PDB file of N, CA and C in Angstrom:
ATOM      1  N   MET A   1       0.847  -1.190   0.000  1.00  0.00           N
ATOM      2  CA  MET A   1       0.000   0.000   0.000  1.00  0.00           C
ATOM      3  C   MET A   1       0.883   1.240   0.000  1.00  0.00           C
ATOM      4  N   ALA A   2       0.599   2.183  -0.847  1.00  0.00           N
ATOM      5  CA  ALA A   2       1.439   3.373  -1.031  1.00  0.00           C
ATOM      6  C   ALA A   2       1.414   4.326   0.162  1.00  0.00           C
ATOM      7  N   HIS A   3       0.412   4.219   1.020  1.00  0.00           N
ATOM      8  CA  HIS A   3       0.243   5.189   2.099  1.00  0.00           C
ATOM      9  C   HIS A   3       0.636   4.643   3.465  1.00  0.00           C
ATOM     10  N   GLU A   4       1.475   3.640   3.523  1.00  0.00           N
ATOM     11  CA  GLU A   4       1.834   3.027   4.800  1.00  0.00           C
ATOM     12  C   GLU A   4       2.829   3.849   5.608  1.00  0.00           C
ATOM     13  N   TYR A   5       3.871   4.380   4.966  1.00  0.00           N
ATOM     14  CA  TYR A   5       4.880   5.198   5.647  1.00  0.00           C
ATOM     15  C   TYR A   5       5.475   4.456   6.856  1.00  0.00           C
ATOM     16  N   ASN A   6       5.889   3.231   6.648  1.00  0.00           N
ATOM     17  CA  ASN A   6       6.374   2.403   7.752  1.00  0.00           C
ATOM     18  C   ASN A   6       7.557   3.012   8.488  1.00  0.00           C
ATOM     19  N   ASP A   7       8.544   3.545   7.771  1.00  0.00           N
ATOM     20  CA  ASP A   7       9.710   4.134   8.442  1.00  0.00           C
ATOM     21  C   ASP A   7       9.323   5.380   9.224  1.00  0.00           C
ATOM     22  N   ALA A   8       8.463   6.206   8.657  1.00  0.00           N
ATOM     23  CA  ALA A   8       8.014   7.405   9.362  1.00  0.00           C
ATOM     24  C   ALA A   8       7.334   7.009  10.669  1.00  0.00           C
ATOM     25  N   TYR A   9       6.531   5.995  10.625  1.00  0.00           N
ATOM     26  CA  TYR A   9       5.818   5.533  11.814  1.00  0.00           C
ATOM     27  C   TYR A   9       6.780   4.943  12.850  1.00  0.00           C
ATOM     28  N   LYS A  10       7.695   4.142  12.388  1.00  0.00           N
ATOM     29  CA  LYS A  10       8.631   3.450  13.285  1.00  0.00           C
ATOM     30  C   LYS A  10       9.426   4.413  14.161  1.00  0.00           C
ATOM     31  N   TYR A  11       9.851   5.533  13.609  1.00  0.00           N
ATOM     32  CA  TYR A  11      10.724   6.468  14.331  1.00  0.00           C
ATOM     33  C   TYR A  11      10.003   7.704  14.882  1.00  0.00           C
ATOM     34  N   ALA A  12       8.704   7.765  14.710  1.00  0.00           N
ATOM     35  CA  ALA A  12       7.946   8.966  15.096  1.00  0.00           C
ATOM     36  C   ALA A  12       7.646   9.009  16.598  1.00  0.00           C
ATOM     37  N   PRO A  13       7.525  10.247  17.151  1.00  0.00           N
ATOM     38  CA  PRO A  13       7.045  10.376  18.536  1.00  0.00           C
ATOM     39  C   PRO A  13       5.580   9.912  18.609  1.00  0.00           C
ATOM     40  N   ASP A  14       5.111   9.620  19.803  1.00  0.00           N
ATOM     41  CA  ASP A  14       3.759   9.073  19.978  1.00  0.00           C
ATOM     42  C   ASP A  14       2.672   9.927  19.351  1.00  0.00           C
ATOM     43  N   GLU A  15       2.751  11.271  19.513  1.00  0.00           N
ATOM     44  CA  GLU A  15       1.681  12.103  18.959  1.00  0.00           C
ATOM     45  C   GLU A  15       1.663  12.048  17.436  1.00  0.00           C
ATOM     46  N   VAL A  16       2.812  11.872  16.813  1.00  0.00           N
ATOM     47  CA  VAL A  16       2.865  11.753  15.355  1.00  0.00           C
ATOM     48  C   VAL A  16       2.347  10.371  14.935  1.00  0.00           C
ATOM     49  N   LYS A  17       2.654   9.336  15.710  1.00  0.00           N
ATOM     50  CA  LYS A  17       2.122   7.996  15.418  1.00  0.00           C
ATOM     51  C   LYS A  17       0.595   8.013  15.421  1.00  0.00           C
ATOM     52  N   GLN A  18       0.016   8.746  16.359  1.00  0.00           N
ATOM     53  CA  GLN A  18      -1.445   8.839  16.415  1.00  0.00           C
ATOM     54  C   GLN A  18      -1.992   9.506  15.153  1.00  0.00           C
ATOM     55  N   LEU A  19      -1.313  10.541  14.672  1.00  0.00           N
ATOM     56  CA  LEU A  19      -1.739  11.212  13.445  1.00  0.00           C
ATOM     57  C   LEU A  19      -1.572  10.295  12.232  1.00  0.00           C
ATOM     58  N   ILE A  20      -0.498   9.525  12.194  1.00  0.00           N
ATOM     59  CA  ILE A  20      -0.296   8.590  11.088  1.00  0.00           C
ATOM     60  C   ILE A  20      -1.397   7.535  11.096  1.00  0.00           C
ATOM     61  N   ASP A  21      -1.780   7.050  12.292  1.00  0.00           N
ATOM     62  CA  ASP A  21      -2.877   6.081  12.393  1.00  0.00           C
ATOM     63  C   ASP A  21      -4.175   6.670  11.832  1.00  0.00           C
ATOM     64  N   LYS A  22      -4.463   7.929  12.174  1.00  0.00           N
ATOM     65  CA  LYS A  22      -5.667   8.589  11.653  1.00  0.00           C
ATOM     66  C   LYS A  22      -5.579   8.732  10.133  1.00  0.00           C
ATOM     67  N   PHE A  23      -4.388   9.099   9.643  1.00  0.00           N
ATOM     68  CA  PHE A  23      -4.186   9.244   8.195  1.00  0.00           C
ATOM     69  C   PHE A  23      -4.427   7.905   7.495  1.00  0.00           C
ATOM     70  N   ARG A  24      -3.888   6.826   8.063  1.00  0.00           N
ATOM     71  CA  ARG A  24      -4.060   5.499   7.464  1.00  0.00           C
ATOM     72  C   ARG A  24      -5.523   5.085   7.396  1.00  0.00           C
ATOM     73  N   ALA A  25      -6.348   5.578   8.323  1.00  0.00           N
ATOM     74  CA  ALA A  25      -7.763   5.213   8.363  1.00  0.00           C
ATOM     75  C   ALA A  25      -8.597   5.987   7.332  1.00  0.00           C
ATOM     76  N   LEU A  26      -8.029   7.018   6.721  1.00  0.00           N
ATOM     77  CA  LEU A  26      -8.757   7.796   5.712  1.00  0.00           C
ATOM     78  C   LEU A  26      -9.010   6.949   4.472  1.00  0.00           C
ATOM     79  N   PRO A  27     -10.083   7.245   3.732  1.00  0.00           N
ATOM     80  CA  PRO A  27     -10.294   6.566   2.446  1.00  0.00           C
ATOM     81  C   PRO A  27      -9.131   6.875   1.497  1.00  0.00           C
ATOM     82  N   GLU A  28      -8.826   5.958   0.620  1.00  0.00           N
ATOM     83  CA  GLU A  28      -7.681   6.097  -0.300  1.00  0.00           C
ATOM     84  C   GLU A  28      -7.739   7.401  -1.101  1.00  0.00           C
ATOM     85  N   ASP A  29      -8.919   7.785  -1.574  1.00  0.00           N
ATOM     86  CA  ASP A  29      -8.998   9.012  -2.374  1.00  0.00           C
ATOM     87  C   ASP A  29      -8.671  10.252  -1.542  1.00  0.00           C
ATOM     88  N   GLU A  30      -8.972  10.241  -0.249  1.00  0.00           N
ATOM     89  CA  GLU A  30      -8.612  11.355   0.628  1.00  0.00           C
ATOM     90  C   GLU A  30      -7.096  11.411   0.832  1.00  0.00           C
ATOM     91  N   LYS A  31      -6.468  10.259   1.000  1.00  0.00           N
ATOM     92  CA  LYS A  31      -5.010  10.220   1.170  1.00  0.00           C
ATOM     93  C   LYS A  31      -4.304  10.748  -0.073  1.00  0.00           C
ATOM     94  N   ASP A  32      -4.876  10.496  -1.235  1.00  0.00           N
ATOM     95  CA  ASP A  32      -4.272  10.984  -2.479  1.00  0.00           C
ATOM     96  C   ASP A  32      -4.360  12.503  -2.590  1.00  0.00           C
ATOM     97  N   LYS A  33      -5.350  13.120  -1.957  1.00  0.00           N
ATOM     98  CA  LYS A  33      -5.531  14.567  -2.016  1.00  0.00           C
ATOM     99  C   LYS A  33      -4.672  15.307  -0.994  1.00  0.00           C
ATOM    100  N   LYS A  34      -4.282  14.652   0.080  1.00  0.00           N
ATOM    101  CA  LYS A  34      -3.588  15.314   1.184  1.00  0.00           C
ATOM    102  C   LYS A  34      -2.400  14.456   1.620  1.00  0.00           C
ATOM    103  N   PRO A  35      -1.180  14.787   1.212  1.00  0.00           N
ATOM    104  CA  PRO A  35      -0.016  14.006   1.616  1.00  0.00           C
ATOM    105  C   PRO A  35       0.141  13.959   3.140  1.00  0.00           C
ATOM    106  N   LEU A  36       0.785  12.932   3.619  1.00  0.00           N
ATOM    107  CA  LEU A  36       0.969  12.737   5.056  1.00  0.00           C
ATOM    108  C   LEU A  36       1.583  13.957   5.733  1.00  0.00           C
ATOM    109  N   LEU A  37       2.622  14.536   5.154  1.00  0.00           N
ATOM    110  CA  LEU A  37       3.265  15.694   5.774  1.00  0.00           C
ATOM    111  C   LEU A  37       2.274  16.840   5.959  1.00  0.00           C
ATOM    112  N   TYR A  38       1.495  17.143   4.949  1.00  0.00           N
ATOM    113  CA  TYR A  38       0.499  18.215   5.068  1.00  0.00           C
ATOM    114  C   TYR A  38      -0.544  17.837   6.115  1.00  0.00           C
ATOM    115  N   TYR A  39      -0.941  16.577   6.132  1.00  0.00           N
ATOM    116  CA  TYR A  39      -1.920  16.109   7.113  1.00  0.00           C
ATOM    117  C   TYR A  39      -1.404  16.356   8.529  1.00  0.00           C
ATOM    118  N   ILE A  40      -0.139  16.055   8.773  1.00  0.00           N
ATOM    119  CA  ILE A  40       0.446  16.239  10.097  1.00  0.00           C
ATOM    120  C   ILE A  40       0.628  17.720  10.411  1.00  0.00           C
ATOM    121  N   ILE A  41       1.229  18.468   9.529  1.00  0.00           N
ATOM    122  CA  ILE A  41       1.478  19.893   9.777  1.00  0.00           C
ATOM    123  C   ILE A  41       0.166  20.666   9.856  1.00  0.00           C
ATOM    124  N   GLY A  42      -0.794  20.291   9.055  1.00  0.00           N
ATOM    125  CA  GLY A  42      -2.060  21.003   9.034  1.00  0.00           C
ATOM    126  C   GLY A  42      -2.913  20.817  10.276  1.00  0.00           C
ATOM    127  N   THR A  43      -2.533  19.907  11.156  1.00  0.00           N
ATOM    128  CA  THR A  43      -3.352  19.642  12.334  1.00  0.00           C
ATOM    129  C   THR A  43      -2.983  20.525  13.517  1.00  0.00           C
ATOM    130  N   GLY A  44      -1.920  21.282  13.419  1.00  0.00           N
ATOM    131  CA  GLY A  44      -1.522  22.142  14.529  1.00  0.00           C
ATOM    132  C   GLY A  44      -0.018  22.255  14.628  1.00  0.00           C
ATOM    133  N   THR A  45       0.446  22.911  15.633  1.00  0.00           N
ATOM    134  CA  THR A  45       1.873  23.106  15.818  1.00  0.00           C
ATOM    135  C   THR A  45       2.406  22.080  16.801  1.00  0.00           C
ATOM    136  N   PRO A  46       3.230  21.149  16.345  1.00  0.00           N
ATOM    137  CA  PRO A  46       3.775  20.144  17.252  1.00  0.00           C
ATOM    138  C   PRO A  46       4.628  20.756  18.360  1.00  0.00           C
ATOM    139  N   LYS A  47       4.707  20.072  19.480  1.00  0.00           N
ATOM    140  CA  LYS A  47       5.448  20.549  20.646  1.00  0.00           C
ATOM    141  C   LYS A  47       6.933  20.735  20.386  1.00  0.00           C
ATOM    142  N   TYR A  48       7.491  19.985  19.462  1.00  0.00           N
ATOM    143  CA  TYR A  48       8.933  20.006  19.251  1.00  0.00           C
ATOM    144  C   TYR A  48       9.425  21.178  18.405  1.00  0.00           C
ATOM    145  N   LYS A  49       8.549  22.058  17.970  1.00  0.00           N
ATOM    146  CA  LYS A  49       8.987  23.226  17.198  1.00  0.00           C
ATOM    147  C   LYS A  49       9.629  24.255  18.115  1.00  0.00           C
ATOM    148  N   MET A  50      10.515  25.053  17.536  1.00  0.00           N
ATOM    149  CA  MET A  50      11.243  26.086  18.275  1.00  0.00           C
ATOM    150  C   MET A  50      10.363  27.318  18.484  1.00  0.00           C
ATOM    151  N   GLU A  51      10.522  27.964  19.617  1.00  0.00           N
ATOM    152  CA  GLU A  51       9.834  29.231  19.867  1.00  0.00           C
ATOM    153  C   GLU A  51      10.435  30.310  18.968  1.00  0.00           C
ATOM    154  N   LYS A  52       9.642  31.298  18.584  1.00  0.00           N
ATOM    155  CA  LYS A  52      10.121  32.373  17.715  1.00  0.00           C
ATOM    156  C   LYS A  52      11.336  33.078  18.320  1.00  0.00           C
ATOM    157  N   ALA A  53      11.286  33.363  19.610  1.00  0.00           N
ATOM    158  CA  ALA A  53      12.399  34.071  20.263  1.00  0.00           C
ATOM    159  C   ALA A  53      13.695  33.265  20.166  1.00  0.00           C
ATOM    160  N   ASP A  54      13.602  31.957  20.287  1.00  0.00           N
ATOM    161  CA  ASP A  54      14.793  31.107  20.211  1.00  0.00           C
ATOM    162  C   ASP A  54      15.377  31.030  18.799  1.00  0.00           C
ATOM    163  N   SER A  55      14.542  31.301  17.801  1.00  0.00           N
ATOM    164  CA  SER A  55      15.000  31.253  16.405  1.00  0.00           C
ATOM    165  C   SER A  55      15.464  32.621  15.900  1.00  0.00           C
ATOM    166  N   ASP A  56      15.403  33.642  16.766  1.00  0.00           N
ATOM    167  CA  ASP A  56      15.740  35.020  16.380  1.00  0.00           C
ATOM    168  C   ASP A  56      14.807  35.549  15.293  1.00  0.00           C
ATOM    169  N   TYR A  57      13.555  35.101  15.323  1.00  0.00           N
ATOM    170  CA  TYR A  57      12.541  35.522  14.354  1.00  0.00           C
ATOM    171  C   TYR A  57      12.335  37.036  14.419  1.00  0.00           C
ATOM    172  N   ILE A  58      12.309  37.657  13.241  1.00  0.00           N
ATOM    173  CA  ILE A  58      11.980  39.083  13.145  1.00  0.00           C
ATOM    174  C   ILE A  58      10.925  39.257  12.062  1.00  0.00           C
ATOM    175  N   ASP A  59      10.074  40.262  12.220  1.00  0.00           N
ATOM    176  CA  ASP A  59       8.943  40.455  11.304  1.00  0.00           C
ATOM    177  C   ASP A  59       9.342  40.895   9.903  1.00  0.00           C
ATOM    178  N   GLU A  60      10.494  41.519   9.771  1.00  0.00           N
ATOM    179  CA  GLU A  60      10.958  42.007   8.465  1.00  0.00           C
ATOM    180  C   GLU A  60      12.428  41.629   8.301  1.00  0.00           C
ATOM    181  N   SER A  61      12.730  40.854   7.266  1.00  0.00           N
ATOM    182  CA  SER A  61      14.102  40.419   7.023  1.00  0.00           C
ATOM    183  C   SER A  61      15.025  41.603   6.768  1.00  0.00           C
ATOM    184  N   LYS A  62      16.215  41.524   7.309  1.00  0.00           N
ATOM    185  CA  LYS A  62      17.248  42.535   7.057  1.00  0.00           C
ATOM    186  C   LYS A  62      18.327  41.976   6.135  1.00  0.00           C
ATOM    187  N   THR A  63      18.118  40.747   5.670  1.00  0.00           N
ATOM    188  CA  THR A  63      19.077  40.076   4.804  1.00  0.00           C
ATOM    189  C   THR A  63      18.495  39.988   3.397  1.00  0.00           C
ATOM    190  N   LYS A  64      19.089  40.700   2.458  1.00  0.00           N
ATOM    191  CA  LYS A  64      18.584  40.744   1.086  1.00  0.00           C
ATOM    192  C   LYS A  64      18.463  39.328   0.504  1.00  0.00           C
ATOM    193  N   GLY A  65      17.308  39.048  -0.069  1.00  0.00           N
ATOM    194  CA  GLY A  65      17.076  37.767  -0.717  1.00  0.00           C
ATOM    195  C   GLY A  65      16.692  36.641   0.231  1.00  0.00           C
ATOM    196  N   GLN A  66      16.630  36.914   1.528  1.00  0.00           N
ATOM    197  CA  GLN A  66      16.252  35.884   2.497  1.00  0.00           C
ATOM    198  C   GLN A  66      15.021  36.335   3.273  1.00  0.00           C
ATOM    199  N   SER A  67      13.984  35.533   3.223  1.00  0.00           N
ATOM    200  CA  SER A  67      12.785  35.780   4.016  1.00  0.00           C
ATOM    201  C   SER A  67      12.000  34.480   4.123  1.00  0.00           C
ATOM    202  N   CYS A  68      11.021  34.472   4.994  1.00  0.00           N
ATOM    203  CA  CYS A  68      10.175  33.278   5.119  1.00  0.00           C
ATOM    204  C   CYS A  68       9.488  32.979   3.784  1.00  0.00           C
ATOM    205  N   GLY A  69       9.286  34.006   2.985  1.00  0.00           N
ATOM    206  CA  GLY A  69       8.634  33.840   1.688  1.00  0.00           C
ATOM    207  C   GLY A  69       9.384  32.957   0.716  1.00  0.00           C
ATOM    208  N   ASN A  70      10.687  32.766   0.925  1.00  0.00           N
ATOM    209  CA  ASN A  70      11.443  31.864   0.039  1.00  0.00           C
ATOM    210  C   ASN A  70      12.270  30.858   0.849  1.00  0.00           C
ATOM    211  N   CYS A  71      11.800  30.540   2.035  1.00  0.00           N
ATOM    212  CA  CYS A  71      12.498  29.582   2.897  1.00  0.00           C
ATOM    213  C   CYS A  71      11.939  28.177   2.704  1.00  0.00           C
ATOM    214  N   GLU A  72      12.813  27.207   2.737  1.00  0.00           N
ATOM    215  CA  GLU A  72      12.436  25.797   2.577  1.00  0.00           C
ATOM    216  C   GLU A  72      11.447  25.332   3.650  1.00  0.00           C
ATOM    217  N   PHE A  73      11.492  25.914   4.820  1.00  0.00           N
ATOM    218  CA  PHE A  73      10.674  25.452   5.940  1.00  0.00           C
ATOM    219  C   PHE A  73       9.284  26.075   6.003  1.00  0.00           C
ATOM    220  N   ALA A  74       8.997  27.056   5.150  1.00  0.00           N
ATOM    221  CA  ALA A  74       7.708  27.755   5.179  1.00  0.00           C
ATOM    222  C   ALA A  74       6.661  26.996   4.369  1.00  0.00           C
ATOM    223  N   TYR A  75       5.429  26.971   4.898  1.00  0.00           N
ATOM    224  CA  TYR A  75       4.306  26.299   4.243  1.00  0.00           C
ATOM    225  C   TYR A  75       3.069  27.179   4.340  1.00  0.00           C
ATOM    226  N   TYR A  76       2.212  27.047   3.349  1.00  0.00           N
ATOM    227  CA  TYR A  76       0.941  27.767   3.360  1.00  0.00           C
ATOM    228  C   TYR A  76      -0.154  26.797   3.769  1.00  0.00           C
ATOM    229  N   LYS A  77      -0.978  27.193   4.744  1.00  0.00           N
ATOM    230  CA  LYS A  77      -2.133  26.393   5.172  1.00  0.00           C
ATOM    231  C   LYS A  77      -3.369  26.969   4.492  1.00  0.00           C
ATOM    232  N   PRO A  78      -3.779  26.413   3.364  1.00  0.00           N
ATOM    233  CA  PRO A  78      -4.903  26.982   2.623  1.00  0.00           C
ATOM    234  C   PRO A  78      -6.197  27.056   3.433  1.00  0.00           C
ATOM    235  N   ALA A  79      -6.457  26.080   4.262  1.00  0.00           N
ATOM    236  CA  ALA A  79      -7.703  26.060   5.037  1.00  0.00           C
ATOM    237  C   ALA A  79      -7.813  27.272   5.955  1.00  0.00           C
ATOM    238  N   LYS A  80      -6.690  27.704   6.518  1.00  0.00           N
ATOM    239  CA  LYS A  80      -6.702  28.836   7.443  1.00  0.00           C
ATOM    240  C   LYS A  80      -6.119  30.100   6.827  1.00  0.00           C
ATOM    241  N   LYS A  81      -5.636  29.983   5.595  1.00  0.00           N
ATOM    242  CA  LYS A  81      -5.030  31.110   4.884  1.00  0.00           C
ATOM    243  C   LYS A  81      -3.906  31.741   5.704  1.00  0.00           C
ATOM    244  N   LYS A  82      -3.028  30.888   6.219  1.00  0.00           N
ATOM    245  CA  LYS A  82      -1.908  31.328   7.045  1.00  0.00           C
ATOM    246  C   LYS A  82      -0.633  30.628   6.612  1.00  0.00           C
ATOM    247  N   PHE A  83       0.486  31.282   6.873  1.00  0.00           N
ATOM    248  CA  PHE A  83       1.786  30.675   6.627  1.00  0.00           C
ATOM    249  C   PHE A  83       2.311  30.123   7.945  1.00  0.00           C
ATOM    250  N   ILE A  84       2.894  28.943   7.866  1.00  0.00           N
ATOM    251  CA  ILE A  84       3.493  28.326   9.041  1.00  0.00           C
ATOM    252  C   ILE A  84       4.885  27.840   8.671  1.00  0.00           C
ATOM    253  N   CYS A  85       5.637  27.452   9.669  1.00  0.00           N
ATOM    254  CA  CYS A  85       6.997  26.962   9.480  1.00  0.00           C
ATOM    255  C   CYS A  85       7.103  25.566  10.086  1.00  0.00           C
ATOM    256  N   SER A  86       7.836  24.698   9.445  1.00  0.00           N
ATOM    257  CA  SER A  86       8.017  23.350   9.981  1.00  0.00           C
ATOM    258  C   SER A  86       8.980  23.329  11.159  1.00  0.00           C
ATOM    259  N   GLN A  87       9.674  24.441  11.410  1.00  0.00           N
ATOM    260  CA  GLN A  87      10.673  24.489  12.471  1.00  0.00           C
ATOM    261  C   GLN A  87      10.315  25.425  13.631  1.00  0.00           C
ATOM    262  N   VAL A  88       9.479  26.433  13.369  1.00  0.00           N
ATOM    263  CA  VAL A  88       9.181  27.475  14.352  1.00  0.00           C
ATOM    264  C   VAL A  88       7.687  27.476  14.656  1.00  0.00           C
ATOM    265  N   ARG A  89       7.331  27.647  15.918  1.00  0.00           N
ATOM    266  CA  ARG A  89       5.933  27.659  16.353  1.00  0.00           C
ATOM    267  C   ARG A  89       5.181  28.890  15.862  1.00  0.00           C
ATOM    268  N   GLY A  90       3.893  28.708  15.637  1.00  0.00           N
ATOM    269  CA  GLY A  90       2.999  29.810  15.339  1.00  0.00           C
ATOM    270  C   GLY A  90       2.996  30.252  13.891  1.00  0.00           C
ATOM    271  N   GLU A  91       2.163  31.226  13.631  1.00  0.00           N
ATOM    272  CA  GLU A  91       2.038  31.782  12.281  1.00  0.00           C
ATOM    273  C   GLU A  91       3.264  32.627  11.960  1.00  0.00           C
ATOM    274  N   ILE A  92       3.666  32.599  10.697  1.00  0.00           N
ATOM    275  CA  ILE A  92       4.777  33.423  10.222  1.00  0.00           C
ATOM    276  C   ILE A  92       4.267  34.303   9.088  1.00  0.00           C
ATOM    277  N   THR A  93       5.091  35.227   8.628  1.00  0.00           N
ATOM    278  CA  THR A  93       4.723  36.061   7.484  1.00  0.00           C
ATOM    279  C   THR A  93       5.809  35.960   6.426  1.00  0.00           C
ATOM    280  N   LYS A  94       5.455  36.225   5.183  1.00  0.00           N
ATOM    281  CA  LYS A  94       6.418  36.139   4.083  1.00  0.00           C
ATOM    282  C   LYS A  94       7.636  37.048   4.265  1.00  0.00           C
ATOM    283  N   PRO A  95       7.492  38.294   4.718  1.00  0.00           N
ATOM    284  CA  PRO A  95       8.666  39.167   4.825  1.00  0.00           C
ATOM    285  C   PRO A  95       9.551  38.879   6.050  1.00  0.00           C
ATOM    286  N   ALA A  96       9.129  37.996   6.934  1.00  0.00           N
ATOM    287  CA  ALA A  96       9.890  37.714   8.161  1.00  0.00           C
ATOM    288  C   ALA A  96      11.148  36.900   7.860  1.00  0.00           C
ATOM    289  N   TRP A  97      11.959  36.694   8.901  1.00  0.00           N
ATOM    290  CA  TRP A  97      13.214  35.948   8.776  1.00  0.00           C
ATOM    291  C   TRP A  97      13.584  35.373  10.139  1.00  0.00           C
ATOM    292  N   CYS A  98      14.333  34.277  10.150  1.00  0.00           N
ATOM    293  CA  CYS A  98      14.933  33.763  11.386  1.00  0.00           C
ATOM    294  C   CYS A  98      16.251  33.093  11.039  1.00  0.00           C
ATOM    295  N   ARG A  99      17.014  32.762  12.071  1.00  0.00           N
ATOM    296  CA  ARG A  99      18.352  32.200  11.852  1.00  0.00           C
ATOM    297  C   ARG A  99      18.328  30.792  11.261  1.00  0.00           C
ATOM    298  N   LEU A 100      17.167  30.154  11.192  1.00  0.00           N
ATOM    299  CA  LEU A 100      17.056  28.829  10.611  1.00  0.00           C
ATOM    300  C   LEU A 100      16.845  28.862   9.100  1.00  0.00           C
ATOM    301  N   TYR A 101      16.820  30.066   8.535  1.00  0.00           N
ATOM    302  CA  TYR A 101      16.545  30.244   7.108  1.00  0.00           C
ATOM    303  C   TYR A 101      17.367  29.281   6.251  1.00  0.00           C
ATOM    304  N   LYS A 102      16.673  28.654   5.296  1.00  0.00           N
ATOM    305  CA  LYS A 102      17.330  27.804   4.309  1.00  0.00           C
ATOM    306  C   LYS A 102      16.622  28.047   2.988  1.00  0.00           C
ATOM    307  N   LYS A 103      17.379  28.403   1.960  1.00  0.00           N
ATOM    308  CA  LYS A 103      16.779  28.751   0.671  1.00  0.00           C
ATOM    309  C   LYS A 103      15.884  27.629   0.166  1.00  0.00           C
ATOM    310  N   GLY A 104      14.675  28.031  -0.198  1.00  0.00           N
ATOM    311  CA  GLY A 104      13.689  27.115  -0.736  1.00  0.00           C
ATOM    312  C   GLY A 104      12.983  27.752  -1.905  1.00  0.00           C
ATOM    313  N   SER A 105      11.726  27.371  -2.140  1.00  0.00           N
ATOM    314  CA  SER A 105      11.001  27.896  -3.304  1.00  0.00           C
ATOM    315  C   SER A 105       9.561  28.252  -2.977  1.00  0.00           C
ATOM    316  N   MET A 106       9.292  28.839  -1.850  1.00  0.00           N
ATOM    317  CA  MET A 106       7.928  29.197  -1.437  1.00  0.00           C
ATOM    318  C   MET A 106       7.285  30.106  -2.457  1.00  0.00           C
TER     319      MET A 106
END
């Protein structure tokens, strides 16, 4: 089955295992519409994410060409019309920046 994600499940923390179990219980056509990563990230902010203060998050980037808008870790949550980060807690904005910045293609 294409949606098993055995390795992800094997090494995941308990709260992520619970989300994977819920994902596995979805009908196949639903799983095809929503990849596991989006399913997990879209459910809320996991406890293991860094606080904004710890990441040196600022609302407006001071580094030319670097912002949350083009960072690998930034994601858009269409259901809530918000940007989030896979590494930092809470909502982020496109012009913001933090020390975890890694060039991506947002």
